[in-house]
Amino acid sequence: MSQQPLAYLYPEFLESNEARPIRILSEYLEPLRRFKDQKIQDTVVFFGSARIDSRERAERALRTLRARGVRDADDHYQRELKKSRRAVEWARYYEEARELARLLTTWSGSLQSDNHRFVVTSGGGPGIMEAANRGAREAGGKTIGLNIRLPFEQGANPYITEGLHFEFHYFFMRKFWFAYLAKALVIFPGGFGTLDELFEILTLVQTDKLSKQIGIVLYGREYWEPILNFKPMAEWGAIGEHDIELLHFADTPADAFEHLRAHLVEHHLEPASVQEAAAPGIAKTRG
């Protein structure tokens, strides 16, 4: 008679419906252990579209399309050409997310702390997520990717710090880790997923379910203002006037960085931990 495996080592049981609470708890405890091991104290989370590519790749794709020599009268070609040109326009957001993550990581690395502060965190995939992880890595800092395992998932981007790439099965546990350590959010142009993540955090802030002040930056006024007009909600009384003030618009990495730094210094740093050295390319200002 073969020996029965211990329940907590039994794959058939662990993957069963009855063991779902254990799987959920694992997606809390295992990341918690790794964050402690790597001395991650808190994060700044970047959200945005996975469809925004780097300038280099977008321009290369446009050159390739133009080189096909297709007749201008071809409707499909014209649609593809328009789409490719828009991708080049959108590439500015990739490059600016990359630069903002670099500025933030350079500054946070200058803080006096035994732990890693305000670590740039993304959903771990392509697009804005890749740009954020890339900028933080180029600045020499740690950077986190909280990925979700899906049948069509493209996989993690290559810029996440070793040991800080996480794969989640449950969306709500992934969202928990986005919110739990975050001291600020930066929302770049994105789609339904980006809006879902923004409103999740806004709801938690509005209902006082977070024990900390989270700074929220909407990056790209041209994109966000036509989409997110909260004034009618306040006029009807669905939200308070002060709720609109939870959001700060920014259009340059420098502006976004200055706002983030001021928020983080005011609400999440002891005075002794702040050094006067500013990040490269950013004038010194007091937070």
C-alpha atoms as a PDB file:
ATOM      1  CA  MET A   1       0.000   0.000   0.000  1.00  0.00           C
ATOM      2  CA  SER A   2       1.577   3.314  -1.098  1.00  0.00           C
ATOM      3  CA  GLN A   3       2.082   6.032   1.430  1.00  0.00           C
ATOM      4  CA  GLN A   4      -0.444   8.883   1.265  1.00  0.00           C
ATOM      5  CA  PRO A   5       1.273  12.304   0.870  1.00  0.00           C
ATOM      6  CA  LEU A   6       0.834  14.918   3.547  1.00  0.00           C
ATOM      7  CA  ALA A   7      -2.151  17.145   2.776  1.00  0.00           C
ATOM      8  CA  TYR A   8      -0.041  20.294   2.372  1.00  0.00           C
ATOM      9  CA  LEU A   9       2.202  18.449  -0.109  1.00  0.00           C
ATOM     10  CA  TYR A  10      -0.642  16.868  -2.068  1.00  0.00           C
ATOM     11  CA  PRO A  11      -1.052  18.668  -5.461  1.00  0.00           C
ATOM     12  CA  GLU A  12      -4.478  17.182  -6.170  1.00  0.00           C
ATOM     13  CA  PHE A  13      -5.801  18.561  -2.883  1.00  0.00           C
ATOM     14  CA  LEU A  14      -4.053  21.940  -3.177  1.00  0.00           C
ATOM     15  CA  GLU A  15      -5.628  22.499  -6.603  1.00  0.00           C
ATOM     16  CA  SER A  16      -9.111  21.508  -5.457  1.00  0.00           C
ATOM     17  CA  ASN A  17     -12.054  23.780  -4.670  1.00  0.00           C
ATOM     18  CA  GLU A  18     -11.772  22.877  -0.989  1.00  0.00           C
ATOM     19  CA  ALA A  19      -8.209  24.230  -0.852  1.00  0.00           C
ATOM     20  CA  ARG A  20      -9.063  27.606  -2.381  1.00  0.00           C
ATOM     21  CA  PRO A  21      -8.616  29.421   0.979  1.00  0.00           C
ATOM     22  CA  ILE A  22      -5.094  27.982   1.201  1.00  0.00           C
ATOM     23  CA  ARG A  23      -4.244  29.240  -2.295  1.00  0.00           C
ATOM     24  CA  ILE A  24      -5.597  32.685  -1.458  1.00  0.00           C
ATOM     25  CA  LEU A  25      -3.621  32.798   1.777  1.00  0.00           C
ATOM     26  CA  SER A  26      -0.505  31.719  -0.123  1.00  0.00           C
ATOM     27  CA  GLU A  27      -0.825  34.760  -2.388  1.00  0.00           C
ATOM     28  CA  TYR A  28      -0.656  36.890   0.748  1.00  0.00           C
ATOM     29  CA  LEU A  29       2.041  35.082   2.731  1.00  0.00           C
ATOM     30  CA  GLU A  30       4.525  34.263  -0.041  1.00  0.00           C
ATOM     31  CA  PRO A  31       4.827  37.856  -1.340  1.00  0.00           C
ATOM     32  CA  LEU A  32       4.955  39.111   2.243  1.00  0.00           C
ATOM     33  CA  ARG A  33       7.963  36.897   2.932  1.00  0.00           C
ATOM     34  CA  ARG A  34       9.777  38.080  -0.180  1.00  0.00           C
ATOM     35  CA  PHE A  35       9.093  41.754   0.508  1.00  0.00           C
ATOM     36  CA  LYS A  36      10.518  41.335   3.993  1.00  0.00           C
ATOM     37  CA  ASP A  37      13.566  39.470   2.692  1.00  0.00           C
ATOM     38  CA  GLN A  38      14.292  42.256   0.183  1.00  0.00           C
ATOM     39  CA  LYS A  39      13.525  45.025   2.725  1.00  0.00           C
ATOM     40  CA  ILE A  40      10.774  46.619   0.667  1.00  0.00           C
ATOM     41  CA  GLN A  41       9.016  49.130   2.916  1.00  0.00           C
ATOM     42  CA  ASP A  42       6.666  50.853   0.480  1.00  0.00           C
ATOM     43  CA  THR A  43       6.007  51.514  -3.181  1.00  0.00           C
ATOM     44  CA  VAL A  44       4.920  53.980  -5.856  1.00  0.00           C
ATOM     45  CA  VAL A  45       2.657  52.214  -8.345  1.00  0.00           C
ATOM     46  CA  PHE A  46       2.537  52.984 -12.082  1.00  0.00           C
ATOM     47  CA  PHE A  47      -0.615  52.050 -13.990  1.00  0.00           C
ATOM     48  CA  GLY A  48      -1.213  52.478 -17.733  1.00  0.00           C
ATOM     49  CA  SER A  49      -1.835  50.774 -21.032  1.00  0.00           C
ATOM     50  CA  ALA A  50       0.055  47.654 -22.065  1.00  0.00           C
ATOM     51  CA  ARG A  51      -0.403  48.800 -25.674  1.00  0.00           C
ATOM     52  CA  ILE A  52       1.907  51.822 -25.501  1.00  0.00           C
ATOM     53  CA  ASP A  53       5.279  50.937 -26.981  1.00  0.00           C
ATOM     54  CA  SER A  54       8.707  52.535 -26.758  1.00  0.00           C
ATOM     55  CA  ARG A  55       9.570  55.245 -29.278  1.00  0.00           C
ATOM     56  CA  GLU A  56      12.257  53.073 -30.828  1.00  0.00           C
ATOM     57  CA  ARG A  57       9.923  50.137 -31.463  1.00  0.00           C
ATOM     58  CA  ALA A  58       7.018  52.332 -32.611  1.00  0.00           C
ATOM     59  CA  GLU A  59       9.172  54.218 -35.115  1.00  0.00           C
ATOM     60  CA  ARG A  60      10.703  50.971 -36.389  1.00  0.00           C
ATOM     61  CA  ALA A  61       7.223  49.511 -36.949  1.00  0.00           C
ATOM     62  CA  LEU A  62       6.167  52.631 -38.869  1.00  0.00           C
ATOM     63  CA  ARG A  63       9.269  52.464 -41.090  1.00  0.00           C
ATOM     64  CA  THR A  64       8.613  48.783 -41.787  1.00  0.00           C
ATOM     65  CA  LEU A  65       5.012  49.513 -42.751  1.00  0.00           C
ATOM     66  CA  ARG A  66       5.994  52.334 -45.094  1.00  0.00           C
ATOM     67  CA  ALA A  67       8.640  50.140 -46.721  1.00  0.00           C
ATOM     68  CA  ARG A  68       6.046  47.631 -47.909  1.00  0.00           C
ATOM     69  CA  GLY A  69       5.296  49.783 -50.936  1.00  0.00           C
ATOM     70  CA  VAL A  70       1.534  49.231 -50.723  1.00  0.00           C
ATOM     71  CA  ARG A  71      -0.612  51.550 -52.862  1.00  0.00           C
ATOM     72  CA  ASP A  72      -1.940  54.563 -50.968  1.00  0.00           C
ATOM     73  CA  ALA A  73      -5.436  53.705 -52.187  1.00  0.00           C
ATOM     74  CA  ASP A  74      -5.442  50.498 -50.138  1.00  0.00           C
ATOM     75  CA  ASP A  75      -7.917  51.097 -47.277  1.00  0.00           C
ATOM     76  CA  HIS A  76      -6.384  48.459 -45.024  1.00  0.00           C
ATOM     77  CA  TYR A  77      -2.948  49.998 -45.499  1.00  0.00           C
ATOM     78  CA  GLN A  78      -4.283  53.452 -44.637  1.00  0.00           C
ATOM     79  CA  ARG A  79      -5.885  52.136 -41.460  1.00  0.00           C
ATOM     80  CA  GLU A  80      -2.671  50.423 -40.453  1.00  0.00           C
ATOM     81  CA  LEU A  81      -0.660  53.542 -41.293  1.00  0.00           C
ATOM     82  CA  LYS A  82      -2.938  55.699 -39.126  1.00  0.00           C
ATOM     83  CA  LYS A  83      -2.667  53.202 -36.278  1.00  0.00           C
ATOM     84  CA  SER A  84       1.123  53.104 -36.565  1.00  0.00           C
ATOM     85  CA  ARG A  85       1.404  56.897 -36.570  1.00  0.00           C
ATOM     86  CA  ARG A  86      -0.739  57.054 -33.436  1.00  0.00           C
ATOM     87  CA  ALA A  87       1.563  54.490 -31.818  1.00  0.00           C
ATOM     88  CA  VAL A  88       4.502  56.829 -32.442  1.00  0.00           C
ATOM     89  CA  GLU A  89       2.543  59.678 -30.810  1.00  0.00           C
ATOM     90  CA  TRP A  90       1.676  57.498 -27.831  1.00  0.00           C
ATOM     91  CA  ALA A  91       5.307  56.445 -27.443  1.00  0.00           C
ATOM     92  CA  ARG A  92       5.954  59.724 -25.608  1.00  0.00           C
ATOM     93  CA  TYR A  93       4.063  58.281 -22.640  1.00  0.00           C
ATOM     94  CA  TYR A  94       6.348  55.250 -22.556  1.00  0.00           C
ATOM     95  CA  GLU A  95       9.439  57.448 -22.571  1.00  0.00           C
ATOM     96  CA  GLU A  96       8.010  59.839 -19.981  1.00  0.00           C
ATOM     97  CA  ALA A  97       6.981  56.997 -17.659  1.00  0.00           C
ATOM     98  CA  ARG A  98      10.499  55.651 -18.000  1.00  0.00           C
ATOM     99  CA  GLU A  99      11.978  59.057 -17.141  1.00  0.00           C
ATOM    100  CA  LEU A 100       9.656  59.620 -14.184  1.00  0.00           C
ATOM    101  CA  ALA A 101      10.520  56.198 -12.746  1.00  0.00           C
ATOM    102  CA  ARG A 102      14.209  57.017 -13.157  1.00  0.00           C
ATOM    103  CA  LEU A 103      13.850  60.352 -11.349  1.00  0.00           C
ATOM    104  CA  LEU A 104      11.827  58.842  -8.534  1.00  0.00           C
ATOM    105  CA  THR A 105      14.212  55.922  -8.060  1.00  0.00           C
ATOM    106  CA  THR A 106      17.291  58.142  -8.078  1.00  0.00           C
ATOM    107  CA  TRP A 107      15.740  60.361  -5.418  1.00  0.00           C
ATOM    108  CA  SER A 108      14.479  57.518  -3.222  1.00  0.00           C
ATOM    109  CA  GLY A 109      17.937  55.938  -3.361  1.00  0.00           C
ATOM    110  CA  SER A 110      19.344  59.078  -1.723  1.00  0.00           C
ATOM    111  CA  LEU A 111      17.134  58.725   1.366  1.00  0.00           C
ATOM    112  CA  GLN A 112      18.614  57.621   4.666  1.00  0.00           C
ATOM    113  CA  SER A 113      16.840  54.351   5.385  1.00  0.00           C
ATOM    114  CA  ASP A 114      17.646  50.737   6.181  1.00  0.00           C
ATOM    115  CA  ASN A 115      14.797  49.714   3.873  1.00  0.00           C
ATOM    116  CA  HIS A 116      14.000  50.392   0.226  1.00  0.00           C
ATOM    117  CA  ARG A 117      11.540  53.283   0.046  1.00  0.00           C
ATOM    118  CA  PHE A 118       8.997  54.151  -2.633  1.00  0.00           C
ATOM    119  CA  VAL A 119       9.992  51.285  -4.921  1.00  0.00           C
ATOM    120  CA  VAL A 120       8.583  51.638  -8.437  1.00  0.00           C
ATOM    121  CA  THR A 121       5.963  48.954  -8.975  1.00  0.00           C
ATOM    122  CA  SER A 122       3.943  47.944 -12.030  1.00  0.00           C
ATOM    123  CA  GLY A 123       1.720  45.166 -13.268  1.00  0.00           C
ATOM    124  CA  GLY A 124       4.837  43.530 -14.662  1.00  0.00           C
ATOM    125  CA  GLY A 125       3.778  43.407 -18.300  1.00  0.00           C
ATOM    126  CA  PRO A 126       4.571  45.443 -21.438  1.00  0.00           C
ATOM    127  CA  GLY A 127       3.764  49.062 -22.284  1.00  0.00           C
ATOM    128  CA  ILE A 128       3.698  51.568 -19.429  1.00  0.00           C
ATOM    129  CA  MET A 129       4.445  48.736 -17.014  1.00  0.00           C
ATOM    130  CA  GLU A 130       7.663  47.926 -18.835  1.00  0.00           C
ATOM    131  CA  ALA A 131       8.579  51.609 -19.064  1.00  0.00           C
ATOM    132  CA  ALA A 132       8.243  52.081 -15.287  1.00  0.00           C
ATOM    133  CA  ASN A 133      10.286  48.996 -14.431  1.00  0.00           C
ATOM    134  CA  ARG A 134      12.851  49.942 -17.050  1.00  0.00           C
ATOM    135  CA  GLY A 135      13.357  53.484 -15.764  1.00  0.00           C
ATOM    136  CA  ALA A 136      13.754  52.279 -12.178  1.00  0.00           C
ATOM    137  CA  ARG A 137      16.241  49.628 -13.198  1.00  0.00           C
ATOM    138  CA  GLU A 138      18.246  52.119 -15.272  1.00  0.00           C
ATOM    139  CA  ALA A 139      18.501  54.252 -12.124  1.00  0.00           C
ATOM    140  CA  GLY A 140      20.023  51.307 -10.257  1.00  0.00           C
ATOM    141  CA  GLY A 141      17.084  50.665  -7.949  1.00  0.00           C
ATOM    142  CA  LYS A 142      14.875  47.729  -7.147  1.00  0.00           C
ATOM    143  CA  THR A 143      11.618  47.484  -9.057  1.00  0.00           C
ATOM    144  CA  ILE A 144       8.583  45.233  -8.622  1.00  0.00           C
ATOM    145  CA  GLY A 145       6.254  43.497 -11.092  1.00  0.00           C
ATOM    146  CA  LEU A 146       2.889  42.155  -9.903  1.00  0.00           C
ATOM    147  CA  ASN A 147       1.803  40.002 -12.825  1.00  0.00           C
ATOM    148  CA  ILE A 148      -1.452  38.130 -13.330  1.00  0.00           C
ATOM    149  CA  ARG A 149      -1.440  34.716 -14.948  1.00  0.00           C
ATOM    150  CA  LEU A 150      -3.820  34.650 -17.908  1.00  0.00           C
ATOM    151  CA  PRO A 151      -4.157  32.357 -20.950  1.00  0.00           C
ATOM    152  CA  PHE A 152      -3.220  35.231 -23.302  1.00  0.00           C
ATOM    153  CA  GLU A 153      -0.710  36.922 -21.012  1.00  0.00           C
ATOM    154  CA  GLN A 154       2.438  38.120 -22.799  1.00  0.00           C
ATOM    155  CA  GLY A 155       4.606  37.412 -19.768  1.00  0.00           C
ATOM    156  CA  ALA A 156       6.722  39.608 -17.555  1.00  0.00           C
ATOM    157  CA  ASN A 157       8.922  42.350 -18.928  1.00  0.00           C
ATOM    158  CA  PRO A 158      12.703  41.851 -18.506  1.00  0.00           C
ATOM    159  CA  TYR A 159      13.344  44.854 -16.222  1.00  0.00           C
ATOM    160  CA  ILE A 160      11.859  43.543 -12.965  1.00  0.00           C
ATOM    161  CA  THR A 161      14.341  42.943 -10.148  1.00  0.00           C
ATOM    162  CA  GLU A 162      15.192  39.297  -9.578  1.00  0.00           C
ATOM    163  CA  GLY A 163      13.059  37.965  -6.740  1.00  0.00           C
ATOM    164  CA  LEU A 164      10.472  40.738  -7.107  1.00  0.00           C
ATOM    165  CA  HIS A 165       8.489  39.288  -9.994  1.00  0.00           C
ATOM    166  CA  PHE A 166       5.194  37.912  -8.680  1.00  0.00           C
ATOM    167  CA  GLU A 167       2.626  35.793 -10.479  1.00  0.00           C
ATOM    168  CA  PHE A 168      -0.943  35.906  -9.138  1.00  0.00           C
ATOM    169  CA  HIS A 169      -3.944  33.756  -9.925  1.00  0.00           C
ATOM    170  CA  TYR A 170      -6.467  35.924  -8.074  1.00  0.00           C
ATOM    171  CA  PHE A 171      -7.058  39.469  -9.291  1.00  0.00           C
ATOM    172  CA  PHE A 172      -8.166  40.614  -5.853  1.00  0.00           C
ATOM    173  CA  MET A 173      -4.919  39.448  -4.216  1.00  0.00           C
ATOM    174  CA  ARG A 174      -2.912  41.251  -6.880  1.00  0.00           C
ATOM    175  CA  LYS A 175      -4.959  44.399  -6.185  1.00  0.00           C
ATOM    176  CA  PHE A 176      -4.343  43.961  -2.468  1.00  0.00           C
ATOM    177  CA  TRP A 177      -0.589  44.134  -3.003  1.00  0.00           C
ATOM    178  CA  PHE A 178      -0.923  47.153  -5.279  1.00  0.00           C
ATOM    179  CA  ALA A 179      -2.753  49.007  -2.500  1.00  0.00           C
ATOM    180  CA  TYR A 180      -1.120  47.629   0.644  1.00  0.00           C
ATOM    181  CA  LEU A 181       2.369  49.046   0.162  1.00  0.00           C
ATOM    182  CA  ALA A 182       1.566  52.017  -2.074  1.00  0.00           C
ATOM    183  CA  LYS A 183       2.220  55.569  -0.926  1.00  0.00           C
ATOM    184  CA  ALA A 184       1.438  57.064  -4.354  1.00  0.00           C
ATOM    185  CA  LEU A 185      -0.024  56.129  -7.733  1.00  0.00           C
ATOM    186  CA  VAL A 186       0.802  57.421 -11.198  1.00  0.00           C
ATOM    187  CA  ILE A 187      -1.931  56.764 -13.761  1.00  0.00           C
ATOM    188  CA  PHE A 188      -0.760  56.986 -17.364  1.00  0.00           C
ATOM    189  CA  PRO A 189      -3.169  56.723 -20.318  1.00  0.00           C
ATOM    190  CA  GLY A 190      -4.841  53.353 -20.354  1.00  0.00           C
ATOM    191  CA  GLY A 191      -8.043  51.413 -20.878  1.00  0.00           C
ATOM    192  CA  PHE A 192     -10.569  49.523 -18.787  1.00  0.00           C
ATOM    193  CA  GLY A 193      -7.948  47.813 -16.640  1.00  0.00           C
ATOM    194  CA  THR A 194      -6.262  51.106 -15.804  1.00  0.00           C
ATOM    195  CA  LEU A 195      -9.611  52.690 -14.894  1.00  0.00           C
ATOM    196  CA  ASP A 196     -10.520  49.673 -12.764  1.00  0.00           C
ATOM    197  CA  GLU A 197      -7.302  50.016 -10.782  1.00  0.00           C
ATOM    198  CA  LEU A 198      -7.728  53.795 -10.393  1.00  0.00           C
ATOM    199  CA  PHE A 199     -11.317  53.565  -9.136  1.00  0.00           C
ATOM    200  CA  GLU A 200     -10.440  50.726  -6.777  1.00  0.00           C
ATOM    201  CA  ILE A 201      -7.917  52.951  -5.011  1.00  0.00           C
ATOM    202  CA  LEU A 202     -10.136  56.056  -5.148  1.00  0.00           C
ATOM    203  CA  THR A 203     -12.931  54.109  -3.461  1.00  0.00           C
ATOM    204  CA  LEU A 204     -10.617  52.883  -0.712  1.00  0.00           C
ATOM    205  CA  VAL A 205      -9.325  56.409  -0.126  1.00  0.00           C
ATOM    206  CA  GLN A 206     -12.798  57.980  -0.145  1.00  0.00           C
ATOM    207  CA  THR A 207     -14.176  55.441   2.338  1.00  0.00           C
ATOM    208  CA  ASP A 208     -11.160  55.661   4.686  1.00  0.00           C
ATOM    209  CA  LYS A 209     -10.239  52.020   4.194  1.00  0.00           C
ATOM    210  CA  LEU A 210      -6.569  52.950   3.868  1.00  0.00           C
ATOM    211  CA  SER A 211      -4.662  54.062   6.954  1.00  0.00           C
ATOM    212  CA  LYS A 212      -2.318  56.299   4.945  1.00  0.00           C
ATOM    213  CA  GLN A 213      -2.476  59.182   2.511  1.00  0.00           C
ATOM    214  CA  ILE A 214      -1.932  58.084  -1.067  1.00  0.00           C
ATOM    215  CA  GLY A 215      -0.951  60.668  -3.662  1.00  0.00           C
ATOM    216  CA  ILE A 216      -2.600  60.143  -7.056  1.00  0.00           C
ATOM    217  CA  VAL A 217      -1.181  61.640 -10.253  1.00  0.00           C
ATOM    218  CA  LEU A 218      -3.092  61.491 -13.533  1.00  0.00           C
ATOM    219  CA  TYR A 219      -0.436  61.781 -16.208  1.00  0.00           C
ATOM    220  CA  GLY A 220      -1.483  63.294 -19.517  1.00  0.00           C
ATOM    221  CA  ARG A 221      -4.156  65.979 -19.189  1.00  0.00           C
ATOM    222  CA  GLU A 222      -4.923  65.831 -22.918  1.00  0.00           C
ATOM    223  CA  TYR A 223      -5.932  62.179 -22.538  1.00  0.00           C
ATOM    224  CA  TRP A 224      -7.578  62.144 -19.116  1.00  0.00           C
ATOM    225  CA  GLU A 225      -9.591  65.376 -18.986  1.00  0.00           C
ATOM    226  CA  PRO A 226     -12.094  64.344 -21.711  1.00  0.00           C
ATOM    227  CA  ILE A 227     -12.468  60.911 -20.085  1.00  0.00           C
ATOM    228  CA  LEU A 228     -12.606  61.777 -16.384  1.00  0.00           C
ATOM    229  CA  ASN A 229     -14.839  64.777 -15.789  1.00  0.00           C
ATOM    230  CA  PHE A 230     -15.850  64.435 -12.142  1.00  0.00           C
ATOM    231  CA  LYS A 231     -17.447  67.877 -11.806  1.00  0.00           C
ATOM    232  CA  PRO A 232     -21.000  66.695 -12.697  1.00  0.00           C
ATOM    233  CA  MET A 233     -20.691  63.988 -10.017  1.00  0.00           C
ATOM    234  CA  ALA A 234     -19.834  66.647  -7.427  1.00  0.00           C
ATOM    235  CA  GLU A 235     -22.611  68.963  -8.661  1.00  0.00           C
ATOM    236  CA  TRP A 236     -25.166  66.184  -8.284  1.00  0.00           C
ATOM    237  CA  GLY A 237     -23.799  65.340  -4.865  1.00  0.00           C
ATOM    238  CA  ALA A 238     -22.600  61.850  -5.742  1.00  0.00           C
ATOM    239  CA  ILE A 239     -19.122  62.796  -4.506  1.00  0.00           C
ATOM    240  CA  GLY A 240     -17.812  65.675  -2.436  1.00  0.00           C
ATOM    241  CA  GLU A 241     -15.995  68.664  -3.904  1.00  0.00           C
ATOM    242  CA  HIS A 242     -12.926  67.631  -1.915  1.00  0.00           C
ATOM    243  CA  ASP A 243     -12.934  64.208  -3.626  1.00  0.00           C
ATOM    244  CA  ILE A 244     -11.921  65.870  -6.898  1.00  0.00           C
ATOM    245  CA  GLU A 245      -8.857  67.222  -5.108  1.00  0.00           C
ATOM    246  CA  LEU A 246      -7.589  63.658  -4.636  1.00  0.00           C
ATOM    247  CA  LEU A 247      -6.269  63.828  -8.214  1.00  0.00           C
ATOM    248  CA  HIS A 248      -3.337  65.869  -9.512  1.00  0.00           C
ATOM    249  CA  PHE A 249      -2.759  66.298 -13.241  1.00  0.00           C
ATOM    250  CA  ALA A 250       0.770  66.293 -14.649  1.00  0.00           C
ATOM    251  CA  ASP A 251       2.116  66.626 -18.190  1.00  0.00           C
ATOM    252  CA  THR A 252       5.870  66.320 -17.705  1.00  0.00           C
ATOM    253  CA  PRO A 253       8.086  63.947 -15.715  1.00  0.00           C
ATOM    254  CA  ALA A 254       9.484  66.953 -13.820  1.00  0.00           C
ATOM    255  CA  ASP A 255       6.045  68.167 -12.716  1.00  0.00           C
ATOM    256  CA  ALA A 256       4.912  64.680 -11.723  1.00  0.00           C
ATOM    257  CA  PHE A 257       8.138  64.052  -9.815  1.00  0.00           C
ATOM    258  CA  GLU A 258       7.940  67.332  -7.898  1.00  0.00           C
ATOM    259  CA  HIS A 259       4.359  66.605  -6.853  1.00  0.00           C
ATOM    260  CA  LEU A 260       5.190  63.044  -5.831  1.00  0.00           C
ATOM    261  CA  ARG A 261       8.259  64.077  -3.879  1.00  0.00           C
ATOM    262  CA  ALA A 262       6.357  66.829  -2.027  1.00  0.00           C
ATOM    263  CA  HIS A 263       3.605  64.363  -1.095  1.00  0.00           C
ATOM    264  CA  LEU A 264       5.990  61.638   0.017  1.00  0.00           C
ATOM    265  CA  VAL A 265       8.142  63.996   2.078  1.00  0.00           C
ATOM    266  CA  GLU A 266       5.149  65.613   3.775  1.00  0.00           C
ATOM    267  CA  HIS A 267       3.209  62.463   4.599  1.00  0.00           C
ATOM    268  CA  HIS A 268       5.616  59.533   4.651  1.00  0.00           C
ATOM    269  CA  LEU A 269       9.096  60.643   5.677  1.00  0.00           C
ATOM    270  CA  GLU A 270      10.713  61.652   8.917  1.00  0.00           C
ATOM    271  CA  PRO A 271      12.703  64.893   8.471  1.00  0.00           C
ATOM    272  CA  ALA A 272      15.979  63.183   9.369  1.00  0.00           C
ATOM    273  CA  SER A 273      15.644  60.721   6.493  1.00  0.00           C
ATOM    274  CA  VAL A 274      15.462  63.356   3.768  1.00  0.00           C
ATOM    275  CA  GLN A 275      18.674  64.416   2.080  1.00  0.00           C
ATOM    276  CA  GLU A 276      18.927  67.691   0.183  1.00  0.00           C
ATOM    277  CA  ALA A 277      20.382  66.136  -2.962  1.00  0.00           C
ATOM    278  CA  ALA A 278      17.861  66.447  -5.781  1.00  0.00           C
ATOM    279  CA  ALA A 279      17.513  63.981  -8.614  1.00  0.00           C
ATOM    280  CA  PRO A 280      19.509  64.752 -11.781  1.00  0.00           C
ATOM    281  CA  GLY A 281      17.795  67.307 -13.974  1.00  0.00           C
ATOM    282  CA  ILE A 282      15.433  68.465 -11.232  1.00  0.00           C
ATOM    283  CA  ALA A 283      15.948  71.721  -9.361  1.00  0.00           C
ATOM    284  CA  LYS A 284      16.078  71.497  -5.574  1.00  0.00           C
ATOM    285  CA  THR A 285      12.834  72.296  -3.829  1.00  0.00           C
ATOM    286  CA  ARG A 286      11.673  71.662  -0.312  1.00  0.00           C
ATOM    287  CA  GLY A 287       8.943  69.080   0.023  1.00  0.00           C
END
